[in-house]
């Protein structure tokens, strides 16, 4: 188990990938995620600010709370890095004693 997950994946479903990796690899109490994103990989038809805001909304639904978001301009256009905290949901105990 780790304290921090770093994600720099160029996929439209990046929010889901970060949430899954956070769930599987962060310590039981949760931890932090550093997320690098490029707007055109999230949604090539939307403005970068809109694409990043949609990504933040999706991640909040997955128990990822954003603390800070920075654009990488003037070095890289339409790129951003976000620092977030992940808190896992309470796990339900299965009748065989396994958690899911």
Foldseek 3Di string as FASTA:
>chain_A
DDAEAEDEDLALVRLVVVLVCQVPPHPQQWHKYKYKYAQCSNPVVDDLVVSVVVSQVSNVVSQKAWDDKDAPPPVDPRMMITMTIHGDDDWDADPVRDTD
